Amino acid sequence: MESVSILTIISIAFLGSFGHCIGMCGGIVVAYSSTKIDSSWTKAKQSISHVLYSFGRITTYIILGFIFGFVGGVVTFDNMTSGILLLTTGVLMILVGLSLSGKLKFLTSLEHSVSKSAIYQQTFRALIGSNSLTSFYLLGMLNGLLPCGFVYVFAITAASTGSPFWGAFVMLVFGLSTLPAMFSLGFFVGVFKQMALRSLFINIASVLVILFGFYIMYQGYEYIIDPNKSILSCHI
């Protein structure tokens, strides 16, 4: 993995989280911030609860990255397969970028919520009704399982590494990059409701996602034309 590529993932996830993630998951953050957190708590305890929630999400993302990386390694038999997987990832990234910019409804079509399922609702009610610190972490893990087009694309990127370790690492970087937005939302809900601010982050993120998509497609092309290129040196 190259440092430039890691910085690209961080940039896309960080900027996208202030736009897409706040729009998709902001309701849950607002819900637990107003329901589970007691106003009498110290700022330190409130901060810990928000951090635990975010770490719960990141834990789920790491597990997903490990699984997708493992599956990517199993199904990747040759460079042609690797190249096709990377090309597919690149195309999906471009579609996500266009969706973020409002040109397509790609993300909306991917994000079919499972929140209406009985199991989810029962678990959510139990966790939202508890104010133990552990419940914040578990609620974060639960939220990490919600369908999200943004997560899907990075999960496919994790699969393209062909490695459980690097797949988990990709999702770790993604999760940590979304932490500032989701953590801040718990304290400054009103700030991120300003459409001008959200629109700025979304527009920047959409351009970066599209450029990253073309970069990933180029990597896929290299795999197809270069039989000596190794999946272990996959540039993400």
Protein backbone atom coordinates (compact mmCIF):
# COMPACT_ATOMS: atom_id res chain seq x y z
CA MET A 1 0.00 0.00 0.00
CA GLU A 2 1.26 3.46 -0.86
CA SER A 3 1.14 6.43 1.51
CA VAL A 4 -0.50 8.56 -1.18
CA SER A 5 -3.28 6.01 -1.54
CA ILE A 6 -3.80 5.86 2.22
CA LEU A 7 -4.03 9.65 2.31
CA THR A 8 -6.58 9.47 -0.49
CA ILE A 9 -8.73 7.03 1.49
CA ILE A 10 -8.47 9.28 4.55
CA SER A 11 -9.42 12.37 2.54
CA ILE A 12 -12.42 10.73 0.88
CA ALA A 13 -13.71 9.17 4.10
CA PHE A 14 -13.12 12.31 6.17
CA LEU A 15 -14.82 14.72 3.78
CA GLY A 16 -17.56 12.25 2.86
CA SER A 17 -18.39 11.67 6.51
CA PHE A 18 -19.29 15.34 6.96
CA GLY A 19 -21.72 15.03 4.09
CA HIS A 20 -23.02 11.55 3.42
CA CYS A 21 -22.43 9.85 6.78
CA ILE A 22 -23.97 12.67 8.82
CA GLY A 23 -27.00 12.60 6.54
CA MET A 24 -27.40 8.81 6.80
CA CYS A 25 -26.40 8.13 10.42
CA GLY A 26 -26.91 11.53 12.01
CA GLY A 27 -30.36 10.56 13.22
CA ILE A 28 -28.98 7.73 15.32
CA VAL A 29 -26.30 9.97 16.81
CA VAL A 30 -28.87 12.63 17.67
CA ALA A 31 -31.16 9.94 19.12
CA TYR A 32 -28.61 8.43 21.49
CA SER A 33 -27.16 11.86 22.36
CA SER A 34 -30.56 13.09 23.51
CA THR A 35 -31.80 9.81 25.01
CA LYS A 36 -28.86 7.93 26.49
CA ILE A 37 -26.61 10.78 27.64
CA ASP A 38 -27.59 12.43 30.92
CA SER A 39 -27.07 16.19 31.02
CA SER A 40 -25.60 15.80 34.49
CA TRP A 41 -22.72 13.74 33.12
CA THR A 42 -19.32 15.39 33.03
CA LYS A 43 -17.89 16.38 29.65
CA ALA A 44 -15.31 13.64 30.07
CA LYS A 45 -17.95 10.93 30.48
CA GLN A 46 -19.96 12.31 27.56
CA SER A 47 -16.83 12.28 25.41
CA ILE A 48 -16.07 8.69 26.40
CA SER A 49 -19.60 7.63 25.42
CA HIS A 50 -19.23 9.20 21.97
CA VAL A 51 -15.80 7.64 21.49
CA LEU A 52 -17.10 4.20 22.50
CA TYR A 53 -19.95 4.52 20.01
CA SER A 54 -17.51 5.37 17.22
CA PHE A 55 -15.14 2.57 18.24
CA GLY A 56 -18.09 0.20 18.04
CA ARG A 57 -18.70 1.25 14.41
CA ILE A 58 -15.00 0.93 13.62
CA THR A 59 -14.89 -2.55 15.17
CA THR A 60 -17.66 -3.68 12.83
CA TYR A 61 -15.88 -2.11 9.87
CA ILE A 62 -12.63 -3.90 10.74
CA ILE A 63 -14.46 -7.24 10.95
CA LEU A 64 -16.11 -6.58 7.58
CA GLY A 65 -12.74 -5.61 6.10
CA PHE A 66 -11.16 -8.81 7.41
CA ILE A 67 -13.97 -10.91 5.90
CA PHE A 68 -13.96 -9.11 2.56
CA GLY A 69 -10.16 -9.25 2.39
CA PHE A 70 -10.26 -12.98 3.08
CA VAL A 71 -12.92 -13.57 0.44
CA GLY A 72 -10.95 -11.42 -2.02
CA GLY A 73 -7.89 -13.59 -1.41
CA VAL A 74 -9.84 -16.80 -1.93
CA VAL A 75 -11.49 -15.76 -5.20
CA THR A 76 -8.38 -14.07 -6.62
CA PHE A 77 -6.73 -16.83 -8.63
CA ASP A 78 -4.86 -14.79 -11.23
CA ASN A 79 -4.08 -11.25 -12.34
CA MET A 80 -7.06 -11.15 -14.67
CA THR A 81 -9.43 -11.78 -11.76
CA SER A 82 -7.58 -9.20 -9.65
CA GLY A 83 -7.76 -6.67 -12.46
CA ILE A 84 -11.49 -7.20 -12.98
CA LEU A 85 -12.13 -6.80 -9.24
CA LEU A 86 -10.17 -3.54 -9.16
CA LEU A 87 -11.89 -2.26 -12.30
CA THR A 88 -15.27 -3.04 -10.70
CA THR A 89 -14.22 -1.21 -7.55
CA GLY A 90 -13.12 1.80 -9.58
CA VAL A 91 -16.41 1.95 -11.46
CA LEU A 92 -18.35 1.74 -8.19
CA MET A 93 -16.22 4.55 -6.73
CA ILE A 94 -17.04 6.75 -9.73
CA LEU A 95 -20.74 5.96 -9.33
CA VAL A 96 -20.52 6.87 -5.64
CA GLY A 97 -18.79 10.14 -6.52
CA LEU A 98 -21.52 11.01 -9.02
CA SER A 99 -24.13 10.05 -6.44
CA LEU A 100 -22.57 12.31 -3.81
CA SER A 101 -22.63 15.19 -6.28
CA GLY A 102 -26.33 14.59 -6.94
CA LYS A 103 -25.89 13.35 -10.52
CA LEU A 104 -27.10 9.83 -9.71
CA LYS A 105 -29.11 8.04 -7.03
CA PHE A 106 -26.64 5.17 -6.79
CA LEU A 107 -26.09 5.35 -3.04
CA THR A 108 -29.81 5.58 -2.36
CA SER A 109 -30.45 2.43 -4.40
CA LEU A 110 -27.79 0.56 -2.40
CA GLU A 111 -28.92 1.69 1.02
CA HIS A 112 -31.97 -0.46 1.63
CA SER A 113 -32.36 -0.13 5.37
CA VAL A 114 -32.77 -3.21 7.52
CA SER A 115 -33.82 -1.06 10.46
CA LYS A 116 -37.42 -2.28 10.13
CA SER A 117 -36.49 -5.87 10.92
CA ALA A 118 -37.74 -7.20 14.25
CA ILE A 119 -34.28 -8.27 15.43
CA TYR A 120 -32.78 -4.87 14.70
CA GLN A 121 -35.61 -2.98 16.37
CA GLN A 122 -35.52 -5.14 19.50
CA THR A 123 -31.75 -4.81 19.82
CA PHE A 124 -31.85 -1.08 19.12
CA ARG A 125 -34.57 -0.48 21.74
CA ALA A 126 -32.63 -2.44 24.35
CA LEU A 127 -29.41 -0.51 23.69
CA ILE A 128 -31.00 2.93 23.35
CA GLY A 129 -32.78 2.39 26.66
CA SER A 130 -29.55 1.67 28.53
CA ASN A 131 -27.11 4.34 29.65
CA SER A 132 -24.22 2.00 30.45
CA LEU A 133 -20.98 2.80 28.64
CA THR A 134 -20.91 -0.70 27.15
CA SER A 135 -24.25 -0.04 25.45
CA PHE A 136 -22.71 2.86 23.50
CA TYR A 137 -20.06 0.55 22.09
CA LEU A 138 -22.61 -2.13 21.19
CA LEU A 139 -24.91 0.46 19.61
CA GLY A 140 -21.98 1.57 17.46
CA MET A 141 -21.38 -2.00 16.35
CA LEU A 142 -25.06 -2.33 15.49
CA ASN A 143 -24.99 0.88 13.48
CA GLY A 144 -21.94 -0.39 11.61
CA LEU A 145 -24.08 -3.20 10.23
CA LEU A 146 -26.62 -0.86 8.64
CA PRO A 147 -26.53 -0.93 4.82
CA CYS A 148 -24.47 1.99 3.52
CA GLY A 149 -23.26 2.52 -0.04
CA PHE A 150 -20.19 4.38 1.22
CA VAL A 151 -19.20 1.41 3.39
CA TYR A 152 -19.93 -1.04 0.57
CA VAL A 153 -17.42 0.61 -1.75
CA PHE A 154 -14.64 0.60 0.83
CA ALA A 155 -15.51 -3.01 1.66
CA ILE A 156 -15.01 -3.89 -2.01
CA THR A 157 -11.74 -1.97 -1.90
CA ALA A 158 -10.81 -4.14 1.09
CA ALA A 159 -11.67 -7.24 -0.93
CA SER A 160 -9.40 -6.06 -3.74
CA THR A 161 -6.39 -6.31 -1.40
CA GLY A 162 -6.82 -10.08 -1.35
CA SER A 163 -5.63 -10.04 2.27
CA PRO A 164 -7.58 -10.23 5.55
CA PHE A 165 -4.97 -8.04 7.24
CA TRP A 166 -4.91 -5.29 4.62
CA GLY A 167 -8.66 -5.54 4.17
CA ALA A 168 -9.12 -4.91 7.88
CA PHE A 169 -6.56 -2.09 7.68
CA VAL A 170 -8.44 -0.36 4.85
CA MET A 171 -11.65 -0.43 6.90
CA LEU A 172 -9.77 0.72 10.02
CA VAL A 173 -8.47 3.75 8.12
CA PHE A 174 -11.95 4.39 6.74
CA GLY A 175 -13.57 4.13 10.18
CA LEU A 176 -11.02 6.35 11.92
CA SER A 177 -11.42 8.96 9.17
CA THR A 178 -15.16 9.20 9.83
CA LEU A 179 -14.66 9.55 13.59
CA PRO A 180 -14.23 13.37 13.73
CA ALA A 181 -17.54 14.05 11.99
CA MET A 182 -19.60 11.55 13.94
CA PHE A 183 -17.94 12.43 17.27
CA SER A 184 -18.44 16.16 16.72
CA LEU A 185 -22.05 15.66 15.70
CA GLY A 186 -22.89 14.53 19.22
CA PHE A 187 -21.80 17.92 20.57
CA PHE A 188 -22.51 20.28 17.69
CA VAL A 189 -25.64 18.99 15.99
CA GLY A 190 -26.71 22.41 14.76
CA VAL A 191 -23.43 23.19 13.00
CA PHE A 192 -23.66 20.30 10.60
CA LYS A 193 -27.25 21.03 9.69
CA GLN A 194 -26.04 24.07 7.76
CA MET A 195 -26.59 23.06 4.14
CA ALA A 196 -23.80 25.30 2.82
CA LEU A 197 -21.21 23.53 4.98
CA ARG A 198 -22.48 20.05 4.12
CA SER A 199 -22.65 20.90 0.42
CA LEU A 200 -19.03 22.07 0.42
CA PHE A 201 -17.76 18.84 1.97
CA ILE A 202 -19.94 16.71 -0.30
CA ASN A 203 -18.73 18.47 -3.45
CA ILE A 204 -15.08 18.09 -2.48
CA ALA A 205 -15.59 14.47 -1.47
CA SER A 206 -17.40 13.64 -4.72
CA VAL A 207 -14.47 14.90 -6.81
CA LEU A 208 -11.96 12.93 -4.72
CA VAL A 209 -14.07 9.77 -4.94
CA ILE A 210 -14.29 10.04 -8.73
CA LEU A 211 -10.53 10.63 -9.08
CA PHE A 212 -9.83 7.71 -6.74
CA GLY A 213 -12.16 5.57 -8.84
CA PHE A 214 -10.15 6.29 -11.98
CA TYR A 215 -6.95 5.55 -10.06
CA ILE A 216 -8.26 2.17 -8.93
CA MET A 217 -9.38 1.39 -12.50
CA TYR A 218 -5.85 2.16 -13.69
CA GLN A 219 -4.48 -0.27 -11.11
CA GLY A 220 -6.88 -2.90 -12.42
CA TYR A 221 -5.69 -2.25 -15.95
CA GLU A 222 -2.08 -2.77 -14.82
CA TYR A 223 -2.99 -6.12 -13.31
CA ILE A 224 -4.54 -7.26 -16.55
CA ILE A 225 -1.60 -6.24 -18.78
CA ASP A 226 1.22 -7.17 -16.36
CA PRO A 227 1.32 -10.89 -15.50
CA ASN A 228 4.14 -10.30 -12.99
CA LYS A 229 2.21 -7.85 -10.83
CA SER A 230 1.52 -9.40 -7.42
CA ILE A 231 -1.67 -9.11 -5.40
CA LEU A 232 0.54 -8.70 -2.33
CA SER A 233 1.72 -5.36 -3.67
CA CYS A 234 -1.76 -4.14 -4.52
CA HIS A 235 -1.82 -0.33 -4.58
CA ILE A 236 -4.89 0.93 -2.81
